[in-house]
Amino acid sequence: MRFFAGLWRLAIAALCFVGTYEAWQRPVLWVYFTFQTGAVLGFVMLWAGAATILKGIQPPAWLKGVVTLYAVVTAVVAFLLMPPDDPNYVPQILGIMTNTMLHRIAPIMAVADFLLFDPHRRFQWHYMFSWLIYVPVWFAFVMGRAWLAPTLLGSGPAAGGNPYPYAFIDLKALGWQQFGINCLELAGAFFAVSLVLFVIDRIEPAKPLLG
């Protein structure tokens, strides 16, 4: 089972790297939350997979938890908030769109990895809050880039050169009031997911369910 778990994690890493390959060719795509977190998930799973097979040092619990958190958020956003991908524009590998790999398949596999292959009862209560540090940093990055894009950075990553990567944080279209409401709702959703992960970690047995 150890080798299966290791290969499972390496498969997640492969999906993440294939899913983000567009961003390596078009750096403007790194504005997207899912490309950033997907790449980090890939590197962490590469580490975890190699460590599992070679009986090496695993990623710290905090790091494994935070990439799982953002994988869940990525999947929720993809399934509930984003329009379906157009196969005429999204690259495909073996008939599967790369966005599907990054936004749906890899996150689902990462959650399964957390539930089945990870040891549990390792999360500290403050992880629920420290995991969220990246969210305001990313928002600040997006806002700063949107402010600089028209004069220094050229067009943005979204359709028509819009500097805001997602419609639900498009300040120009929403206005400050709705933008603020959306940010608060997103922050609440992030915290809710982090709380669920913490509770699951406490409920599950300390030893992995499989392995």
N, C-alpha and C. Protein backbone atom coordinates (compact mmCIF):
# COMPACT_ATOMS: atom_id res chain seq x y z
N MET A 1 0.82 -1.21 0.00
CA MET A 1 0.00 0.00 0.00
C MET A 1 0.86 1.27 0.00
N ARG A 2 2.06 1.17 0.59
CA ARG A 2 2.95 2.33 0.62
C ARG A 2 3.31 2.76 -0.80
N PHE A 3 3.61 1.80 -1.66
CA PHE A 3 3.97 2.14 -3.04
C PHE A 3 2.77 2.71 -3.79
N PHE A 4 1.59 2.17 -3.52
CA PHE A 4 0.39 2.70 -4.17
C PHE A 4 0.17 4.15 -3.75
N ALA A 5 0.32 4.43 -2.44
CA ALA A 5 0.16 5.80 -1.95
C ALA A 5 1.18 6.73 -2.59
N GLY A 6 2.42 6.24 -2.71
CA GLY A 6 3.45 7.07 -3.34
C GLY A 6 3.14 7.36 -4.79
N LEU A 7 2.70 6.35 -5.52
CA LEU A 7 2.36 6.55 -6.93
C LEU A 7 1.13 7.45 -7.07
N TRP A 8 0.19 7.32 -6.15
CA TRP A 8 -1.00 8.19 -6.16
C TRP A 8 -0.57 9.65 -6.03
N ARG A 9 0.34 9.92 -5.12
CA ARG A 9 0.81 11.29 -4.91
C ARG A 9 1.61 11.79 -6.10
N LEU A 10 2.41 10.94 -6.68
CA LEU A 10 3.15 11.34 -7.87
C LEU A 10 2.21 11.61 -9.04
N ALA A 11 1.12 10.86 -9.11
CA ALA A 11 0.12 11.11 -10.16
C ALA A 11 -0.53 12.48 -9.97
N ILE A 12 -0.81 12.85 -8.73
CA ILE A 12 -1.35 14.18 -8.46
C ILE A 12 -0.36 15.25 -8.91
N ALA A 13 0.91 15.05 -8.59
CA ALA A 13 1.94 16.00 -9.00
C ALA A 13 1.97 16.14 -10.52
N ALA A 14 1.91 15.01 -11.21
CA ALA A 14 1.93 15.05 -12.68
C ALA A 14 0.74 15.82 -13.23
N LEU A 15 -0.44 15.58 -12.67
CA LEU A 15 -1.63 16.30 -13.12
C LEU A 15 -1.48 17.81 -12.90
N CYS A 16 -0.90 18.18 -11.77
CA CYS A 16 -0.71 19.61 -11.48
C CYS A 16 0.28 20.24 -12.45
N PHE A 17 1.36 19.55 -12.74
CA PHE A 17 2.37 20.12 -13.63
C PHE A 17 1.85 20.21 -15.07
N VAL A 18 1.12 19.19 -15.49
CA VAL A 18 0.51 19.25 -16.83
C VAL A 18 -0.55 20.34 -16.86
N GLY A 19 -1.33 20.44 -15.78
CA GLY A 19 -2.40 21.42 -15.74
C GLY A 19 -1.92 22.86 -15.71
N THR A 20 -0.69 23.09 -15.24
CA THR A 20 -0.17 24.45 -15.16
C THR A 20 0.82 24.78 -16.28
N TYR A 21 0.99 23.87 -17.23
CA TYR A 21 2.05 24.10 -18.21
C TYR A 21 1.79 25.35 -19.05
N GLU A 22 0.50 25.72 -19.22
CA GLU A 22 0.20 26.95 -19.96
C GLU A 22 0.83 28.17 -19.29
N ALA A 23 0.81 28.17 -17.97
CA ALA A 23 1.34 29.33 -17.24
C ALA A 23 2.86 29.44 -17.38
N TRP A 24 3.53 28.31 -17.57
CA TRP A 24 4.98 28.37 -17.78
C TRP A 24 5.29 29.01 -19.13
N GLN A 25 4.35 28.91 -20.07
CA GLN A 25 4.53 29.52 -21.39
C GLN A 25 3.99 30.94 -21.45
N ARG A 26 2.94 31.21 -20.67
CA ARG A 26 2.32 32.54 -20.61
C ARG A 26 2.31 33.01 -19.16
N PRO A 27 3.35 33.68 -18.72
CA PRO A 27 3.47 34.06 -17.30
C PRO A 27 2.29 34.86 -16.76
N VAL A 28 1.55 35.55 -17.63
CA VAL A 28 0.41 36.33 -17.15
C VAL A 28 -0.62 35.44 -16.46
N LEU A 29 -0.65 34.16 -16.79
CA LEU A 29 -1.63 33.25 -16.20
C LEU A 29 -1.34 32.95 -14.73
N TRP A 30 -0.15 33.29 -14.26
CA TRP A 30 0.15 33.07 -12.85
C TRP A 30 -0.67 33.97 -11.93
N VAL A 31 -1.39 34.92 -12.52
CA VAL A 31 -2.30 35.74 -11.70
C VAL A 31 -3.42 34.87 -11.13
N TYR A 32 -3.77 33.82 -11.82
CA TYR A 32 -4.88 32.97 -11.37
C TYR A 32 -4.51 32.22 -10.10
N PHE A 33 -5.43 32.26 -9.16
CA PHE A 33 -5.28 31.55 -7.89
C PHE A 33 -5.00 30.06 -8.12
N THR A 34 -5.73 29.48 -9.06
CA THR A 34 -5.63 28.04 -9.25
C THR A 34 -4.30 27.62 -9.85
N PHE A 35 -3.70 28.45 -10.67
CA PHE A 35 -2.38 28.12 -11.20
C PHE A 35 -1.33 28.18 -10.09
N GLN A 36 -1.42 29.20 -9.26
CA GLN A 36 -0.45 29.33 -8.17
C GLN A 36 -0.56 28.16 -7.19
N THR A 37 -1.76 27.92 -6.71
CA THR A 37 -1.94 26.86 -5.71
C THR A 37 -1.76 25.48 -6.33
N GLY A 38 -2.12 25.35 -7.61
CA GLY A 38 -1.93 24.06 -8.28
C GLY A 38 -0.46 23.70 -8.41
N ALA A 39 0.37 24.69 -8.72
CA ALA A 39 1.81 24.44 -8.82
C ALA A 39 2.38 24.03 -7.47
N VAL A 40 1.97 24.73 -6.41
CA VAL A 40 2.45 24.39 -5.07
C VAL A 40 2.00 22.98 -4.68
N LEU A 41 0.74 22.66 -4.98
CA LEU A 41 0.24 21.31 -4.71
C LEU A 41 1.09 20.28 -5.44
N GLY A 42 1.46 20.57 -6.68
CA GLY A 42 2.28 19.64 -7.44
C GLY A 42 3.62 19.38 -6.79
N PHE A 43 4.29 20.44 -6.35
CA PHE A 43 5.61 20.27 -5.73
C PHE A 43 5.50 19.54 -4.39
N VAL A 44 4.46 19.85 -3.62
CA VAL A 44 4.29 19.17 -2.32
C VAL A 44 3.99 17.69 -2.54
N MET A 45 3.16 17.37 -3.52
CA MET A 45 2.85 15.97 -3.79
C MET A 45 4.04 15.23 -4.38
N LEU A 46 4.86 15.92 -5.14
CA LEU A 46 6.09 15.31 -5.63
C LEU A 46 6.99 14.93 -4.46
N TRP A 47 7.12 15.84 -3.51
CA TRP A 47 7.89 15.58 -2.29
C TRP A 47 7.27 14.42 -1.51
N ALA A 48 5.96 14.49 -1.29
CA ALA A 48 5.29 13.45 -0.50
C ALA A 48 5.36 12.09 -1.18
N GLY A 49 5.19 12.07 -2.50
CA GLY A 49 5.23 10.79 -3.21
C GLY A 49 6.61 10.16 -3.15
N ALA A 50 7.64 10.97 -3.40
CA ALA A 50 9.00 10.44 -3.34
C ALA A 50 9.35 9.98 -1.92
N ALA A 51 8.93 10.76 -0.93
CA ALA A 51 9.22 10.40 0.46
C ALA A 51 8.49 9.12 0.86
N THR A 52 7.30 8.92 0.34
CA THR A 52 6.54 7.71 0.66
C THR A 52 7.24 6.48 0.09
N ILE A 53 7.64 6.55 -1.15
CA ILE A 53 8.28 5.40 -1.79
C ILE A 53 9.66 5.11 -1.19
N LEU A 54 10.40 6.17 -0.90
CA LEU A 54 11.78 6.02 -0.42
C LEU A 54 11.89 6.02 1.10
N LYS A 55 10.75 6.12 1.79
CA LYS A 55 10.72 6.19 3.25
C LYS A 55 11.54 7.37 3.76
N GLY A 56 11.33 8.51 3.11
CA GLY A 56 12.03 9.73 3.48
C GLY A 56 11.19 10.60 4.40
N ILE A 57 11.61 11.85 4.53
CA ILE A 57 10.91 12.81 5.39
C ILE A 57 9.73 13.40 4.64
N GLN A 58 8.55 13.30 5.23
CA GLN A 58 7.33 13.79 4.61
C GLN A 58 7.20 15.31 4.79
N PRO A 59 6.41 15.96 3.93
CA PRO A 59 6.13 17.38 4.13
C PRO A 59 5.50 17.62 5.50
N PRO A 60 5.77 18.76 6.12
CA PRO A 60 5.17 19.05 7.43
C PRO A 60 3.64 19.03 7.36
N ALA A 61 3.03 18.73 8.49
CA ALA A 61 1.57 18.66 8.55
C ALA A 61 0.93 19.98 8.11
N TRP A 62 1.52 21.10 8.53
CA TRP A 62 0.96 22.41 8.15
C TRP A 62 0.93 22.57 6.64
N LEU A 63 2.03 22.21 5.98
CA LEU A 63 2.12 22.36 4.53
C LEU A 63 1.15 21.43 3.82
N LYS A 64 1.07 20.20 4.28
CA LYS A 64 0.13 19.25 3.66
C LYS A 64 -1.30 19.72 3.84
N GLY A 65 -1.58 20.31 5.01
CA GLY A 65 -2.92 20.80 5.25
C GLY A 65 -3.29 21.99 4.38
N VAL A 66 -2.35 22.91 4.21
CA VAL A 66 -2.67 24.12 3.45
C VAL A 66 -2.89 23.81 1.98
N VAL A 67 -2.11 22.90 1.40
CA VAL A 67 -2.35 22.58 -0.01
C VAL A 67 -3.65 21.81 -0.18
N THR A 68 -4.03 21.02 0.82
CA THR A 68 -5.32 20.34 0.76
C THR A 68 -6.46 21.35 0.84
N LEU A 69 -6.32 22.33 1.71
CA LEU A 69 -7.33 23.39 1.83
C LEU A 69 -7.54 24.08 0.50
N TYR A 70 -6.47 24.50 -0.14
CA TYR A 70 -6.62 25.24 -1.39
C TYR A 70 -7.03 24.34 -2.55
N ALA A 71 -6.73 23.06 -2.45
CA ALA A 71 -7.24 22.12 -3.45
C ALA A 71 -8.76 22.02 -3.36
N VAL A 72 -9.28 21.96 -2.13
CA VAL A 72 -10.73 21.91 -1.94
C VAL A 72 -11.38 23.19 -2.48
N VAL A 73 -10.79 24.34 -2.16
CA VAL A 73 -11.34 25.61 -2.64
C VAL A 73 -11.32 25.65 -4.16
N THR A 74 -10.23 25.19 -4.76
CA THR A 74 -10.13 25.17 -6.22
C THR A 74 -11.26 24.34 -6.83
N ALA A 75 -11.51 23.17 -6.26
CA ALA A 75 -12.57 22.30 -6.79
C ALA A 75 -13.94 22.93 -6.61
N VAL A 76 -14.19 23.53 -5.45
CA VAL A 76 -15.49 24.15 -5.20
C VAL A 76 -15.74 25.29 -6.18
N VAL A 77 -14.72 26.13 -6.37
CA VAL A 77 -14.86 27.24 -7.32
C VAL A 77 -15.09 26.72 -8.73
N ALA A 78 -14.34 25.68 -9.11
CA ALA A 78 -14.47 25.14 -10.46
C ALA A 78 -15.86 24.55 -10.71
N PHE A 79 -16.39 23.84 -9.72
CA PHE A 79 -17.67 23.18 -9.90
C PHE A 79 -18.86 24.13 -9.77
N LEU A 80 -18.72 25.16 -8.92
CA LEU A 80 -19.88 25.99 -8.60
C LEU A 80 -19.85 27.38 -9.23
N LEU A 81 -18.68 27.95 -9.44
CA LEU A 81 -18.62 29.36 -9.85
C LEU A 81 -18.10 29.59 -11.26
N MET A 82 -17.33 28.67 -11.79
CA MET A 82 -16.71 28.90 -13.09
C MET A 82 -17.54 28.27 -14.21
N PRO A 83 -17.60 28.94 -15.37
CA PRO A 83 -18.31 28.34 -16.51
C PRO A 83 -17.54 27.14 -17.05
N PRO A 84 -18.22 26.26 -17.76
CA PRO A 84 -17.52 25.09 -18.33
C PRO A 84 -16.41 25.52 -19.29
N ASP A 85 -15.34 24.76 -19.30
CA ASP A 85 -14.24 25.06 -20.21
C ASP A 85 -14.62 24.73 -21.65
N ASP A 86 -14.08 25.51 -22.57
CA ASP A 86 -14.33 25.29 -23.99
C ASP A 86 -13.20 24.43 -24.55
N PRO A 87 -13.50 23.22 -24.99
CA PRO A 87 -12.43 22.35 -25.52
C PRO A 87 -11.77 22.89 -26.77
N ASN A 88 -12.39 23.89 -27.40
CA ASN A 88 -11.77 24.49 -28.59
C ASN A 88 -10.61 25.41 -28.23
N TYR A 89 -10.54 25.83 -26.97
CA TYR A 89 -9.50 26.76 -26.56
C TYR A 89 -8.58 26.20 -25.47
N VAL A 90 -9.06 25.25 -24.71
CA VAL A 90 -8.26 24.68 -23.62
C VAL A 90 -7.47 23.48 -24.14
N PRO A 91 -6.16 23.44 -23.92
CA PRO A 91 -5.36 22.29 -24.38
C PRO A 91 -5.85 20.98 -23.76
N GLN A 92 -5.65 19.90 -24.50
CA GLN A 92 -6.06 18.59 -24.03
C GLN A 92 -4.88 17.62 -24.07
N ILE A 93 -4.81 16.77 -23.07
CA ILE A 93 -3.82 15.71 -23.01
C ILE A 93 -4.58 14.39 -22.87
N LEU A 94 -4.38 13.50 -23.82
CA LEU A 94 -5.10 12.22 -23.81
C LEU A 94 -6.61 12.42 -23.74
N GLY A 95 -7.07 13.48 -24.40
CA GLY A 95 -8.50 13.75 -24.45
C GLY A 95 -9.07 14.44 -23.23
N ILE A 96 -8.23 14.77 -22.25
CA ILE A 96 -8.69 15.44 -21.04
C ILE A 96 -8.16 16.87 -21.04
N MET A 97 -9.04 17.84 -20.83
CA MET A 97 -8.61 19.24 -20.81
C MET A 97 -7.70 19.48 -19.60
N THR A 98 -6.65 20.27 -19.83
CA THR A 98 -5.69 20.53 -18.74
C THR A 98 -6.36 21.25 -17.57
N ASN A 99 -7.34 22.11 -17.85
CA ASN A 99 -8.06 22.77 -16.76
C ASN A 99 -8.83 21.76 -15.91
N THR A 100 -9.36 20.73 -16.55
CA THR A 100 -10.06 19.69 -15.81
C THR A 100 -9.09 18.95 -14.89
N MET A 101 -7.89 18.69 -15.39
CA MET A 101 -6.88 18.04 -14.55
C MET A 101 -6.56 18.88 -13.32
N LEU A 102 -6.36 20.18 -13.55
CA LEU A 102 -5.91 21.07 -12.48
C LEU A 102 -7.02 21.44 -11.51
N HIS A 103 -8.22 21.68 -12.04
CA HIS A 103 -9.31 22.22 -11.23
C HIS A 103 -10.23 21.17 -10.63
N ARG A 104 -10.21 19.97 -11.18
CA ARG A 104 -11.16 18.96 -10.72
C ARG A 104 -10.48 17.66 -10.30
N ILE A 105 -9.74 17.05 -11.23
CA ILE A 105 -9.19 15.72 -10.94
C ILE A 105 -8.13 15.78 -9.83
N ALA A 106 -7.15 16.67 -9.98
CA ALA A 106 -6.09 16.75 -8.97
C ALA A 106 -6.63 17.11 -7.59
N PRO A 107 -7.54 18.10 -7.46
CA PRO A 107 -8.08 18.38 -6.12
C PRO A 107 -8.83 17.21 -5.50
N ILE A 108 -9.63 16.51 -6.30
CA ILE A 108 -10.35 15.35 -5.76
C ILE A 108 -9.37 14.28 -5.28
N MET A 109 -8.33 14.06 -6.07
CA MET A 109 -7.32 13.07 -5.66
C MET A 109 -6.57 13.53 -4.41
N ALA A 110 -6.34 14.84 -4.29
CA ALA A 110 -5.64 15.37 -3.11
C ALA A 110 -6.49 15.18 -1.85
N VAL A 111 -7.79 15.37 -1.97
CA VAL A 111 -8.68 15.15 -0.82
C VAL A 111 -8.68 13.67 -0.44
N ALA A 112 -8.73 12.79 -1.44
CA ALA A 112 -8.68 11.36 -1.16
C ALA A 112 -7.36 10.99 -0.47
N ASP A 113 -6.28 11.61 -0.92
CA ASP A 113 -4.98 11.36 -0.29
C ASP A 113 -5.00 11.78 1.17
N PHE A 114 -5.57 12.94 1.44
CA PHE A 114 -5.66 13.42 2.82
C PHE A 114 -6.49 12.48 3.69
N LEU A 115 -7.60 12.00 3.15
CA LEU A 115 -8.49 11.15 3.93
C LEU A 115 -7.93 9.75 4.16
N LEU A 116 -7.25 9.21 3.16
CA LEU A 116 -6.89 7.79 3.20
C LEU A 116 -5.43 7.52 3.56
N PHE A 117 -4.52 8.37 3.09
CA PHE A 117 -3.10 8.05 3.21
C PHE A 117 -2.34 8.88 4.24
N ASP A 118 -2.92 9.99 4.67
CA ASP A 118 -2.23 10.84 5.64
C ASP A 118 -2.45 10.35 7.07
N PRO A 119 -1.44 10.45 7.92
CA PRO A 119 -1.70 10.31 9.36
C PRO A 119 -2.48 11.52 9.85
N HIS A 120 -3.23 11.36 10.92
CA HIS A 120 -4.10 12.44 11.38
C HIS A 120 -3.83 12.80 12.83
N ARG A 121 -4.65 13.74 13.31
CA ARG A 121 -4.51 14.31 14.65
C ARG A 121 -3.16 15.02 14.79
N ARG A 122 -2.76 15.66 13.69
CA ARG A 122 -1.50 16.41 13.67
C ARG A 122 -1.71 17.91 13.61
N PHE A 123 -2.90 18.37 13.22
CA PHE A 123 -3.14 19.79 13.03
C PHE A 123 -3.31 20.50 14.36
N GLN A 124 -2.63 21.62 14.52
CA GLN A 124 -2.83 22.49 15.67
C GLN A 124 -3.99 23.44 15.39
N TRP A 125 -4.65 23.90 16.43
CA TRP A 125 -5.84 24.74 16.24
C TRP A 125 -5.53 26.01 15.45
N HIS A 126 -4.32 26.54 15.63
CA HIS A 126 -4.00 27.81 14.96
C HIS A 126 -3.72 27.62 13.47
N TYR A 127 -3.59 26.38 13.01
CA TYR A 127 -3.42 26.16 11.58
C TYR A 127 -4.60 26.71 10.80
N MET A 128 -5.80 26.63 11.39
CA MET A 128 -7.00 27.11 10.70
C MET A 128 -6.86 28.57 10.30
N PHE A 129 -6.09 29.33 11.07
CA PHE A 129 -5.91 30.76 10.79
C PHE A 129 -4.66 31.02 9.96
N SER A 130 -3.58 30.33 10.28
CA SER A 130 -2.34 30.58 9.54
C SER A 130 -2.43 30.08 8.10
N TRP A 131 -3.26 29.06 7.86
CA TRP A 131 -3.47 28.61 6.48
C TRP A 131 -4.05 29.72 5.60
N LEU A 132 -4.74 30.67 6.20
CA LEU A 132 -5.45 31.70 5.43
C LEU A 132 -4.58 32.89 5.08
N ILE A 133 -3.33 32.90 5.52
CA ILE A 133 -2.46 34.05 5.28
C ILE A 133 -2.32 34.33 3.78
N TYR A 134 -2.30 33.28 3.00
CA TYR A 134 -2.09 33.45 1.56
C TYR A 134 -3.23 34.23 0.90
N VAL A 135 -4.44 34.14 1.45
CA VAL A 135 -5.60 34.76 0.79
C VAL A 135 -5.45 36.27 0.66
N PRO A 136 -5.20 37.03 1.74
CA PRO A 136 -5.03 38.48 1.57
C PRO A 136 -3.79 38.83 0.75
N VAL A 137 -2.76 37.99 0.83
CA VAL A 137 -1.57 38.24 0.01
C VAL A 137 -1.92 38.14 -1.47
N TRP A 138 -2.70 37.11 -1.81
CA TRP A 138 -3.10 36.95 -3.21
C TRP A 138 -4.00 38.10 -3.66
N PHE A 139 -4.95 38.50 -2.81
CA PHE A 139 -5.82 39.62 -3.15
C PHE A 139 -4.99 40.89 -3.38
N ALA A 140 -4.02 41.14 -2.52
CA ALA A 140 -3.17 42.32 -2.67
C ALA A 140 -2.38 42.25 -3.98
N PHE A 141 -1.90 41.06 -4.30
CA PHE A 141 -1.18 40.87 -5.55
C PHE A 141 -2.07 41.17 -6.76
N VAL A 142 -3.29 40.64 -6.74
CA VAL A 142 -4.22 40.86 -7.85
C VAL A 142 -4.57 42.34 -7.98
N MET A 143 -4.86 42.98 -6.85
CA MET A 143 -5.22 44.39 -6.89
C MET A 143 -4.06 45.25 -7.36
N GLY A 144 -2.87 44.95 -6.85
CA GLY A 144 -1.69 45.71 -7.26
C GLY A 144 -1.40 45.54 -8.73
N ARG A 145 -1.52 44.33 -9.21
CA ARG A 145 -1.26 44.09 -10.63
C ARG A 145 -2.32 44.76 -11.50
N ALA A 146 -3.58 44.71 -11.06
CA ALA A 146 -4.65 45.35 -11.83
C ALA A 146 -4.42 46.86 -11.92
N TRP A 147 -3.89 47.44 -10.86
CA TRP A 147 -3.61 48.88 -10.86
C TRP A 147 -2.45 49.21 -11.79
N LEU A 148 -1.46 48.32 -11.86
CA LEU A 148 -0.29 48.57 -12.69
C LEU A 148 -0.47 48.12 -14.14
N ALA A 149 -1.38 47.17 -14.36
CA ALA A 149 -1.50 46.54 -15.68
C ALA A 149 -1.69 47.53 -16.83
N PRO A 150 -2.59 48.52 -16.71
CA PRO A 150 -2.83 49.38 -17.87
C PRO A 150 -1.60 50.16 -18.33
N THR A 151 -0.69 50.46 -17.42
CA THR A 151 0.44 51.31 -17.79
C THR A 151 1.77 50.56 -17.89
N LEU A 152 1.95 49.53 -17.05
CA LEU A 152 3.26 48.89 -16.99
C LEU A 152 3.28 47.44 -17.46
N LEU A 153 2.19 46.74 -17.24
CA LEU A 153 2.22 45.29 -17.46
C LEU A 153 1.43 44.83 -18.67
N GLY A 154 0.81 45.75 -19.37
CA GLY A 154 0.02 45.35 -20.52
C GLY A 154 -1.32 44.77 -20.11
N SER A 155 -1.88 43.94 -20.96
CA SER A 155 -3.21 43.40 -20.71
C SER A 155 -3.19 42.36 -19.60
N GLY A 156 -4.37 42.14 -19.04
CA GLY A 156 -4.50 41.15 -17.99
C GLY A 156 -4.78 39.77 -18.54
N PRO A 157 -4.98 38.80 -17.65
CA PRO A 157 -5.13 37.41 -18.09
C PRO A 157 -6.52 37.05 -18.57
N ALA A 158 -7.53 37.82 -18.18
CA ALA A 158 -8.90 37.44 -18.49
C ALA A 158 -9.30 37.90 -19.89
N ALA A 159 -10.50 37.54 -20.29
CA ALA A 159 -10.99 37.88 -21.63
C ALA A 159 -10.96 39.38 -21.85
N GLY A 160 -10.53 39.78 -23.04
CA GLY A 160 -10.46 41.19 -23.37
C GLY A 160 -9.33 41.93 -22.68
N GLY A 161 -8.40 41.22 -22.07
CA GLY A 161 -7.30 41.86 -21.37
C GLY A 161 -7.65 42.37 -20.00
N ASN A 162 -8.79 41.93 -19.45
CA ASN A 162 -9.20 42.35 -18.11
C ASN A 162 -8.14 41.92 -17.10
N PRO A 163 -7.64 42.84 -16.26
CA PRO A 163 -6.59 42.47 -15.31
C PRO A 163 -7.09 41.63 -14.14
N TYR A 164 -8.42 41.57 -13.94
CA TYR A 164 -8.96 40.78 -12.84
C TYR A 164 -9.24 39.36 -13.34
N PRO A 165 -8.64 38.36 -12.71
CA PRO A 165 -8.73 37.00 -13.25
C PRO A 165 -10.11 36.36 -13.11
N TYR A 166 -10.91 36.83 -12.14
CA TYR A 166 -12.22 36.22 -11.91
C TYR A 166 -13.28 37.31 -11.83
N ALA A 167 -14.46 37.01 -12.37
CA ALA A 167 -15.54 38.00 -12.39
C ALA A 167 -15.98 38.39 -10.98
N PHE A 168 -15.90 37.47 -10.02
CA PHE A 168 -16.40 37.77 -8.68
C PHE A 168 -15.44 38.64 -7.87
N ILE A 169 -14.29 39.01 -8.44
CA ILE A 169 -13.42 39.99 -7.79
C ILE A 169 -13.06 41.12 -8.76
N ASP A 170 -13.87 41.30 -9.78
CA ASP A 170 -13.62 42.36 -10.77
C ASP A 170 -14.11 43.69 -10.19
N LEU A 171 -13.19 44.45 -9.64
CA LEU A 171 -13.55 45.69 -8.95
C LEU A 171 -14.23 46.68 -9.88
N LYS A 172 -13.76 46.79 -11.10
CA LYS A 172 -14.35 47.75 -12.04
C LYS A 172 -15.81 47.41 -12.33
N ALA A 173 -16.09 46.14 -12.48
CA ALA A 173 -17.46 45.74 -12.81
C ALA A 173 -18.37 45.72 -11.59
N LEU A 174 -17.83 45.41 -10.43
CA LEU A 174 -18.65 45.22 -9.23
C LEU A 174 -18.83 46.49 -8.41
N GLY A 175 -17.82 47.33 -8.38
CA GLY A 175 -17.83 48.46 -7.45
C GLY A 175 -17.32 48.02 -6.09
N TRP A 176 -16.93 49.00 -5.28
CA TRP A 176 -16.28 48.69 -4.01
C TRP A 176 -17.20 47.92 -3.05
N GLN A 177 -18.48 48.28 -3.02
CA GLN A 177 -19.37 47.63 -2.06
C GLN A 177 -19.51 46.13 -2.34
N GLN A 178 -19.87 45.78 -3.57
CA GLN A 178 -20.04 44.37 -3.90
C GLN A 178 -18.71 43.63 -3.86
N PHE A 179 -17.65 44.32 -4.25
CA PHE A 179 -16.32 43.70 -4.17
C PHE A 179 -16.00 43.34 -2.72
N GLY A 180 -16.28 44.26 -1.80
CA GLY A 180 -16.03 43.99 -0.39
C GLY A 180 -16.87 42.85 0.14
N ILE A 181 -18.14 42.81 -0.27
CA ILE A 181 -19.02 41.71 0.15
C ILE A 181 -18.49 40.37 -0.35
N ASN A 182 -18.09 40.35 -1.62
CA ASN A 182 -17.56 39.11 -2.19
C ASN A 182 -16.29 38.66 -1.46
N CYS A 183 -15.44 39.61 -1.12
CA CYS A 183 -14.20 39.26 -0.41
C CYS A 183 -14.51 38.67 0.96
N LEU A 184 -15.48 39.26 1.66
CA LEU A 184 -15.86 38.73 2.97
C LEU A 184 -16.47 37.34 2.85
N GLU A 185 -17.29 37.14 1.83
CA GLU A 185 -17.89 35.82 1.63
C GLU A 185 -16.82 34.78 1.31
N LEU A 186 -15.86 35.17 0.49
CA LEU A 186 -14.78 34.24 0.16
C LEU A 186 -13.94 33.91 1.39
N ALA A 187 -13.66 34.94 2.20
CA ALA A 187 -12.89 34.71 3.42
C ALA A 187 -13.63 33.76 4.35
N GLY A 188 -14.95 33.95 4.47
CA GLY A 188 -15.74 33.06 5.29
C GLY A 188 -15.74 31.63 4.76
N ALA A 189 -15.80 31.50 3.44
CA ALA A 189 -15.77 30.16 2.84
C ALA A 189 -14.43 29.48 3.08
N PHE A 190 -13.35 30.24 2.94
CA PHE A 190 -12.02 29.68 3.19
C PHE A 190 -11.91 29.19 4.64
N PHE A 191 -12.40 30.00 5.56
CA PHE A 191 -12.31 29.61 6.97
C PHE A 191 -13.17 28.38 7.24
N ALA A 192 -14.34 28.32 6.62
CA ALA A 192 -15.22 27.17 6.83
C ALA A 192 -14.54 25.89 6.36
N VAL A 193 -13.88 25.94 5.21
CA VAL A 193 -13.18 24.76 4.70
C VAL A 193 -12.03 24.38 5.63
N SER A 194 -11.29 25.39 6.10
CA SER A 194 -10.17 25.09 7.00
C SER A 194 -10.68 24.47 8.30
N LEU A 195 -11.83 24.93 8.79
CA LEU A 195 -12.42 24.34 10.00
C LEU A 195 -12.82 22.89 9.76
N VAL A 196 -13.41 22.62 8.61
CA VAL A 196 -13.82 21.25 8.28
C VAL A 196 -12.60 20.33 8.23
N LEU A 197 -11.52 20.80 7.60
CA LEU A 197 -10.30 19.98 7.54
C LEU A 197 -9.75 19.71 8.94
N PHE A 198 -9.76 20.73 9.78
CA PHE A 198 -9.27 20.55 11.15
C PHE A 198 -10.12 19.52 11.89
N VAL A 199 -11.43 19.60 11.75
CA VAL A 199 -12.33 18.66 12.44
C VAL A 199 -12.12 17.24 11.92
N ILE A 200 -12.00 17.10 10.60
CA ILE A 200 -11.77 15.77 10.03
C ILE A 200 -10.46 15.19 10.55
N ASP A 201 -9.44 16.03 10.63
CA ASP A 201 -8.15 15.56 11.14
C ASP A 201 -8.28 15.07 12.57
N ARG A 202 -9.12 15.71 13.36
CA ARG A 202 -9.31 15.29 14.75
C ARG A 202 -10.16 14.03 14.86
N ILE A 203 -11.08 13.84 13.93
CA ILE A 203 -11.98 12.69 13.99
C ILE A 203 -11.29 11.41 13.52
N GLU A 204 -10.51 11.52 12.46
CA GLU A 204 -9.89 10.32 11.90
C GLU A 204 -8.83 9.75 12.85
N PRO A 205 -8.58 8.45 12.76
CA PRO A 205 -7.54 7.85 13.61
C PRO A 205 -6.16 8.40 13.27
N ALA A 206 -5.26 8.33 14.23
CA ALA A 206 -3.93 8.90 14.03
C ALA A 206 -3.18 8.23 12.89
N LYS A 207 -3.32 6.92 12.78
CA LYS A 207 -2.65 6.20 11.69
C LYS A 207 -3.47 6.31 10.41
N PRO A 208 -2.81 6.30 9.25
CA PRO A 208 -3.55 6.37 7.98
C PRO A 208 -4.56 5.24 7.86
N LEU A 209 -5.68 5.53 7.24
CA LEU A 209 -6.69 4.49 7.03
C LEU A 209 -6.17 3.39 6.11
N LEU A 210 -5.35 3.79 5.14
CA LEU A 210 -4.72 2.83 4.23
C LEU A 210 -3.22 3.03 4.28
N GLY A 211 -2.50 1.98 4.48
CA GLY A 211 -1.05 2.10 4.49
C GLY A 211 -0.45 1.76 5.84
